[in-house]
Amino acid sequence: MSELWVSILLVAAVSVGIKAAGPALLGDRELPPWASAVIAALAPALLAGLVVTDVTGQGWSALDWRLCAGLGVAGGAYLLKLPALPSITLAVVVTAGLRWVV
């Protein structure tokens, strides 16, 4: 078995252990309100961080203005309360159109 597979299995085991620790330690008790608020804020913050690092690249070296325009369109569609699928489709069409034109 290669070193990569050992690492993958180890990460999977640690992940299962962490996920099982919450219910095992808390049981039927509720989390405090501040902890629930922190947990609720983590997912959007992590997603935003992943999007920014993916769009900009390492050291902002891969910044593509056409992709930024597509993200702006997706953000605007979100602010206009469009559903997720049409928002993403619109962003993809704008990004692909800009890449085709320029």
N, C-alpha and C. Protein backbone atom coordinates (compact mmCIF):
# COMPACT_ATOMS: atom_id res chain seq x y z
N MET A 1 0.85 -1.17 0.00
CA MET A 1 0.00 0.00 0.00
C MET A 1 0.90 1.24 0.00
N SER A 2 0.56 2.20 -0.87
CA SER A 2 1.41 3.37 -1.00
C SER A 2 1.21 4.33 0.17
N GLU A 3 2.12 5.27 0.26
CA GLU A 3 2.07 6.28 1.30
C GLU A 3 0.81 7.15 1.18
N LEU A 4 0.40 7.39 -0.06
CA LEU A 4 -0.80 8.19 -0.31
C LEU A 4 -2.04 7.53 0.27
N TRP A 5 -2.20 6.23 0.03
CA TRP A 5 -3.39 5.53 0.53
C TRP A 5 -3.40 5.44 2.05
N VAL A 6 -2.24 5.29 2.64
CA VAL A 6 -2.16 5.28 4.10
C VAL A 6 -2.61 6.64 4.64
N SER A 7 -2.17 7.71 3.99
CA SER A 7 -2.57 9.05 4.41
C SER A 7 -4.07 9.25 4.26
N ILE A 8 -4.63 8.79 3.15
CA ILE A 8 -6.07 8.92 2.91
C ILE A 8 -6.86 8.17 3.97
N LEU A 9 -6.46 6.96 4.27
CA LEU A 9 -7.17 6.17 5.28
C LEU A 9 -7.04 6.78 6.66
N LEU A 10 -5.88 7.34 6.97
CA LEU A 10 -5.68 7.99 8.26
C LEU A 10 -6.56 9.23 8.39
N VAL A 11 -6.63 10.04 7.34
CA VAL A 11 -7.48 11.24 7.37
C VAL A 11 -8.95 10.83 7.49
N ALA A 12 -9.36 9.78 6.80
CA ALA A 12 -10.74 9.31 6.89
C ALA A 12 -11.06 8.84 8.31
N ALA A 13 -10.15 8.11 8.93
CA ALA A 13 -10.38 7.62 10.29
C ALA A 13 -10.47 8.77 11.29
N VAL A 14 -9.59 9.77 11.14
CA VAL A 14 -9.64 10.93 12.04
C VAL A 14 -10.94 11.69 11.83
N SER A 15 -11.38 11.82 10.59
CA SER A 15 -12.63 12.52 10.30
C SER A 15 -13.83 11.81 10.93
N VAL A 16 -13.88 10.50 10.82
CA VAL A 16 -14.97 9.74 11.44
C VAL A 16 -14.91 9.88 12.96
N GLY A 17 -13.72 9.85 13.51
CA GLY A 17 -13.58 10.01 14.96
C GLY A 17 -14.06 11.37 15.45
N ILE A 18 -13.72 12.42 14.71
CA ILE A 18 -14.16 13.76 15.10
C ILE A 18 -15.67 13.88 14.99
N LYS A 19 -16.26 13.33 13.92
CA LYS A 19 -17.71 13.41 13.75
C LYS A 19 -18.44 12.60 14.80
N ALA A 20 -17.86 11.52 15.25
CA ALA A 20 -18.51 10.69 16.27
C ALA A 20 -18.35 11.28 17.67
N ALA A 21 -17.33 12.11 17.86
CA ALA A 21 -17.07 12.65 19.19
C ALA A 21 -18.17 13.61 19.65
N GLY A 22 -18.73 14.39 18.73
CA GLY A 22 -19.78 15.34 19.09
C GLY A 22 -20.98 14.68 19.74
N PRO A 23 -21.66 13.77 19.05
CA PRO A 23 -22.81 13.10 19.67
C PRO A 23 -22.44 12.27 20.90
N ALA A 24 -21.25 11.70 20.89
CA ALA A 24 -20.86 10.88 22.04
C ALA A 24 -20.63 11.74 23.28
N LEU A 25 -20.05 12.92 23.11
CA LEU A 25 -19.77 13.78 24.25
C LEU A 25 -20.98 14.61 24.68
N LEU A 26 -21.78 15.05 23.72
CA LEU A 26 -22.91 15.91 24.06
C LEU A 26 -24.17 15.13 24.44
N GLY A 27 -24.36 13.99 23.83
CA GLY A 27 -25.58 13.23 24.11
C GLY A 27 -26.81 13.99 23.64
N ASP A 28 -27.80 14.16 24.50
CA ASP A 28 -29.03 14.86 24.15
C ASP A 28 -29.00 16.35 24.50
N ARG A 29 -27.89 16.83 25.01
CA ARG A 29 -27.80 18.24 25.40
C ARG A 29 -27.71 19.14 24.18
N GLU A 30 -28.24 20.34 24.32
CA GLU A 30 -28.18 21.34 23.26
C GLU A 30 -26.88 22.14 23.37
N LEU A 31 -26.41 22.63 22.25
CA LEU A 31 -25.25 23.50 22.26
C LEU A 31 -25.65 24.88 22.76
N PRO A 32 -24.72 25.61 23.37
CA PRO A 32 -25.03 26.99 23.75
C PRO A 32 -25.31 27.84 22.50
N PRO A 33 -26.09 28.89 22.63
CA PRO A 33 -26.41 29.72 21.46
C PRO A 33 -25.18 30.30 20.76
N TRP A 34 -24.16 30.68 21.54
CA TRP A 34 -22.97 31.25 20.90
C TRP A 34 -22.25 30.22 20.05
N ALA A 35 -22.26 28.97 20.49
CA ALA A 35 -21.59 27.91 19.72
C ALA A 35 -22.35 27.63 18.43
N SER A 36 -23.68 27.63 18.50
CA SER A 36 -24.48 27.43 17.30
C SER A 36 -24.26 28.56 16.30
N ALA A 37 -24.11 29.79 16.81
CA ALA A 37 -23.87 30.93 15.92
C ALA A 37 -22.51 30.82 15.23
N VAL A 38 -21.50 30.37 15.96
CA VAL A 38 -20.17 30.20 15.37
C VAL A 38 -20.19 29.11 14.31
N ILE A 39 -20.85 28.02 14.61
CA ILE A 39 -20.93 26.91 13.65
C ILE A 39 -21.68 27.35 12.39
N ALA A 40 -22.76 28.12 12.56
CA ALA A 40 -23.52 28.60 11.42
C ALA A 40 -22.71 29.57 10.56
N ALA A 41 -21.79 30.32 11.17
CA ALA A 41 -20.99 31.28 10.42
C ALA A 41 -19.78 30.65 9.75
N LEU A 42 -19.39 29.45 10.16
CA LEU A 42 -18.19 28.83 9.61
C LEU A 42 -18.35 28.42 8.15
N ALA A 43 -19.48 27.84 7.79
CA ALA A 43 -19.65 27.33 6.42
C ALA A 43 -19.56 28.44 5.38
N PRO A 44 -20.28 29.55 5.51
CA PRO A 44 -20.12 30.60 4.49
C PRO A 44 -18.72 31.20 4.46
N ALA A 45 -18.09 31.33 5.61
CA ALA A 45 -16.73 31.90 5.65
C ALA A 45 -15.74 30.97 4.96
N LEU A 46 -15.85 29.67 5.21
CA LEU A 46 -14.95 28.72 4.56
C LEU A 46 -15.19 28.68 3.06
N LEU A 47 -16.46 28.71 2.64
CA LEU A 47 -16.77 28.71 1.22
C LEU A 47 -16.22 29.95 0.54
N ALA A 48 -16.38 31.11 1.17
CA ALA A 48 -15.85 32.35 0.59
C ALA A 48 -14.33 32.29 0.47
N GLY A 49 -13.67 31.76 1.48
CA GLY A 49 -12.22 31.63 1.43
C GLY A 49 -11.77 30.69 0.32
N LEU A 50 -12.47 29.59 0.14
CA LEU A 50 -12.13 28.66 -0.94
C LEU A 50 -12.33 29.29 -2.31
N VAL A 51 -13.42 30.03 -2.48
CA VAL A 51 -13.68 30.68 -3.77
C VAL A 51 -12.61 31.72 -4.07
N VAL A 52 -12.27 32.54 -3.08
CA VAL A 52 -11.27 33.60 -3.30
C VAL A 52 -9.92 32.99 -3.64
N THR A 53 -9.49 31.98 -2.91
CA THR A 53 -8.18 31.39 -3.20
C THR A 53 -8.18 30.66 -4.54
N ASP A 54 -9.33 30.09 -4.93
CA ASP A 54 -9.39 29.41 -6.22
C ASP A 54 -9.40 30.42 -7.37
N VAL A 55 -10.07 31.54 -7.20
CA VAL A 55 -10.16 32.54 -8.26
C VAL A 55 -8.85 33.29 -8.42
N THR A 56 -8.22 33.65 -7.33
CA THR A 56 -7.03 34.50 -7.42
C THR A 56 -5.74 33.74 -7.61
N GLY A 57 -5.70 32.49 -7.22
CA GLY A 57 -4.47 31.73 -7.35
C GLY A 57 -3.48 32.08 -6.26
N GLN A 58 -2.32 31.47 -6.33
CA GLN A 58 -1.30 31.70 -5.31
C GLN A 58 -0.68 33.08 -5.53
N GLY A 59 -0.76 33.91 -4.51
CA GLY A 59 -0.20 35.25 -4.60
C GLY A 59 -0.90 36.13 -5.62
N TRP A 60 -2.17 35.91 -5.85
CA TRP A 60 -2.99 36.66 -6.80
C TRP A 60 -2.41 36.58 -8.22
N SER A 61 -1.70 35.52 -8.53
CA SER A 61 -1.06 35.41 -9.83
C SER A 61 -2.00 34.94 -10.92
N ALA A 62 -3.09 34.28 -10.58
CA ALA A 62 -3.98 33.72 -11.59
C ALA A 62 -5.30 34.49 -11.67
N LEU A 63 -5.30 35.75 -11.26
CA LEU A 63 -6.53 36.54 -11.25
C LEU A 63 -7.02 36.75 -12.67
N ASP A 64 -8.26 36.34 -12.93
CA ASP A 64 -8.87 36.45 -14.25
C ASP A 64 -10.08 37.36 -14.12
N TRP A 65 -10.07 38.51 -14.76
CA TRP A 65 -11.15 39.48 -14.61
C TRP A 65 -12.47 38.95 -15.14
N ARG A 66 -12.41 38.04 -16.13
CA ARG A 66 -13.66 37.49 -16.67
C ARG A 66 -14.33 36.59 -15.64
N LEU A 67 -13.55 35.85 -14.89
CA LEU A 67 -14.10 35.02 -13.82
C LEU A 67 -14.65 35.89 -12.70
N CYS A 68 -13.96 36.97 -12.41
CA CYS A 68 -14.47 37.91 -11.39
C CYS A 68 -15.79 38.52 -11.83
N ALA A 69 -15.93 38.82 -13.13
CA ALA A 69 -17.19 39.35 -13.64
C ALA A 69 -18.31 38.32 -13.48
N GLY A 70 -18.01 37.06 -13.75
CA GLY A 70 -19.01 36.00 -13.55
C GLY A 70 -19.42 35.86 -12.10
N LEU A 71 -18.44 35.97 -11.20
CA LEU A 71 -18.77 35.92 -9.77
C LEU A 71 -19.61 37.12 -9.36
N GLY A 72 -19.33 38.27 -9.94
CA GLY A 72 -20.14 39.45 -9.67
C GLY A 72 -21.57 39.28 -10.14
N VAL A 73 -21.75 38.68 -11.30
CA VAL A 73 -23.09 38.41 -11.80
C VAL A 73 -23.81 37.43 -10.89
N ALA A 74 -23.11 36.41 -10.43
CA ALA A 74 -23.73 35.45 -9.50
C ALA A 74 -24.13 36.14 -8.21
N GLY A 75 -23.27 37.03 -7.70
CA GLY A 75 -23.60 37.77 -6.49
C GLY A 75 -24.80 38.68 -6.69
N GLY A 76 -24.85 39.35 -7.83
CA GLY A 76 -25.99 40.21 -8.14
C GLY A 76 -27.28 39.43 -8.27
N ALA A 77 -27.20 38.26 -8.90
CA ALA A 77 -28.39 37.42 -9.02
C ALA A 77 -28.85 36.94 -7.66
N TYR A 78 -27.91 36.67 -6.77
CA TYR A 78 -28.26 36.27 -5.41
C TYR A 78 -28.96 37.41 -4.68
N LEU A 79 -28.46 38.63 -4.86
CA LEU A 79 -29.09 39.79 -4.22
C LEU A 79 -30.49 40.04 -4.77
N LEU A 80 -30.73 39.66 -6.03
CA LEU A 80 -32.05 39.80 -6.63
C LEU A 80 -32.98 38.64 -6.30
N LYS A 81 -32.51 37.74 -5.43
CA LYS A 81 -33.30 36.60 -4.94
C LYS A 81 -33.61 35.56 -6.02
N LEU A 82 -32.73 35.44 -7.03
CA LEU A 82 -32.90 34.38 -8.01
C LEU A 82 -32.52 33.05 -7.38
N PRO A 83 -33.14 31.96 -7.80
CA PRO A 83 -32.73 30.64 -7.28
C PRO A 83 -31.29 30.33 -7.67
N ALA A 84 -30.73 29.34 -7.01
CA ALA A 84 -29.30 29.03 -7.19
C ALA A 84 -28.97 28.59 -8.61
N LEU A 85 -29.75 27.69 -9.18
CA LEU A 85 -29.42 27.16 -10.51
C LEU A 85 -29.43 28.24 -11.59
N PRO A 86 -30.45 29.09 -11.67
CA PRO A 86 -30.38 30.17 -12.66
C PRO A 86 -29.24 31.16 -12.40
N SER A 87 -28.93 31.41 -11.14
CA SER A 87 -27.82 32.31 -10.81
C SER A 87 -26.50 31.75 -11.32
N ILE A 88 -26.28 30.48 -11.07
CA ILE A 88 -25.03 29.84 -11.51
C ILE A 88 -24.98 29.77 -13.02
N THR A 89 -26.11 29.44 -13.65
CA THR A 89 -26.16 29.37 -15.11
C THR A 89 -25.85 30.73 -15.72
N LEU A 90 -26.43 31.77 -15.17
CA LEU A 90 -26.17 33.12 -15.67
C LEU A 90 -24.70 33.49 -15.52
N ALA A 91 -24.11 33.15 -14.38
CA ALA A 91 -22.69 33.45 -14.16
C ALA A 91 -21.81 32.68 -15.14
N VAL A 92 -22.14 31.42 -15.40
CA VAL A 92 -21.37 30.62 -16.36
C VAL A 92 -21.48 31.20 -17.76
N VAL A 93 -22.69 31.60 -18.14
CA VAL A 93 -22.90 32.17 -19.48
C VAL A 93 -22.11 33.47 -19.63
N VAL A 94 -22.14 34.32 -18.63
CA VAL A 94 -21.40 35.59 -18.70
C VAL A 94 -19.90 35.33 -18.77
N THR A 95 -19.39 34.43 -17.93
CA THR A 95 -17.96 34.13 -17.94
C THR A 95 -17.53 33.52 -19.27
N ALA A 96 -18.30 32.56 -19.76
CA ALA A 96 -17.96 31.93 -21.05
C ALA A 96 -18.07 32.94 -22.19
N GLY A 97 -19.07 33.80 -22.14
CA GLY A 97 -19.21 34.81 -23.19
C GLY A 97 -18.04 35.77 -23.21
N LEU A 98 -17.60 36.22 -22.02
CA LEU A 98 -16.46 37.12 -21.95
C LEU A 98 -15.18 36.43 -22.42
N ARG A 99 -15.03 35.17 -22.09
CA ARG A 99 -13.83 34.45 -22.54
C ARG A 99 -13.86 34.23 -24.05
N TRP A 100 -15.05 34.07 -24.62
CA TRP A 100 -15.18 33.85 -26.06
C TRP A 100 -14.91 35.15 -26.82
N VAL A 101 -15.40 36.28 -26.28
CA VAL A 101 -15.25 37.57 -26.95
C VAL A 101 -13.82 38.09 -26.84
N VAL A 102 -13.26 37.97 -25.64
CA VAL A 102 -11.93 38.58 -25.41
C VAL A 102 -10.87 37.52 -25.43
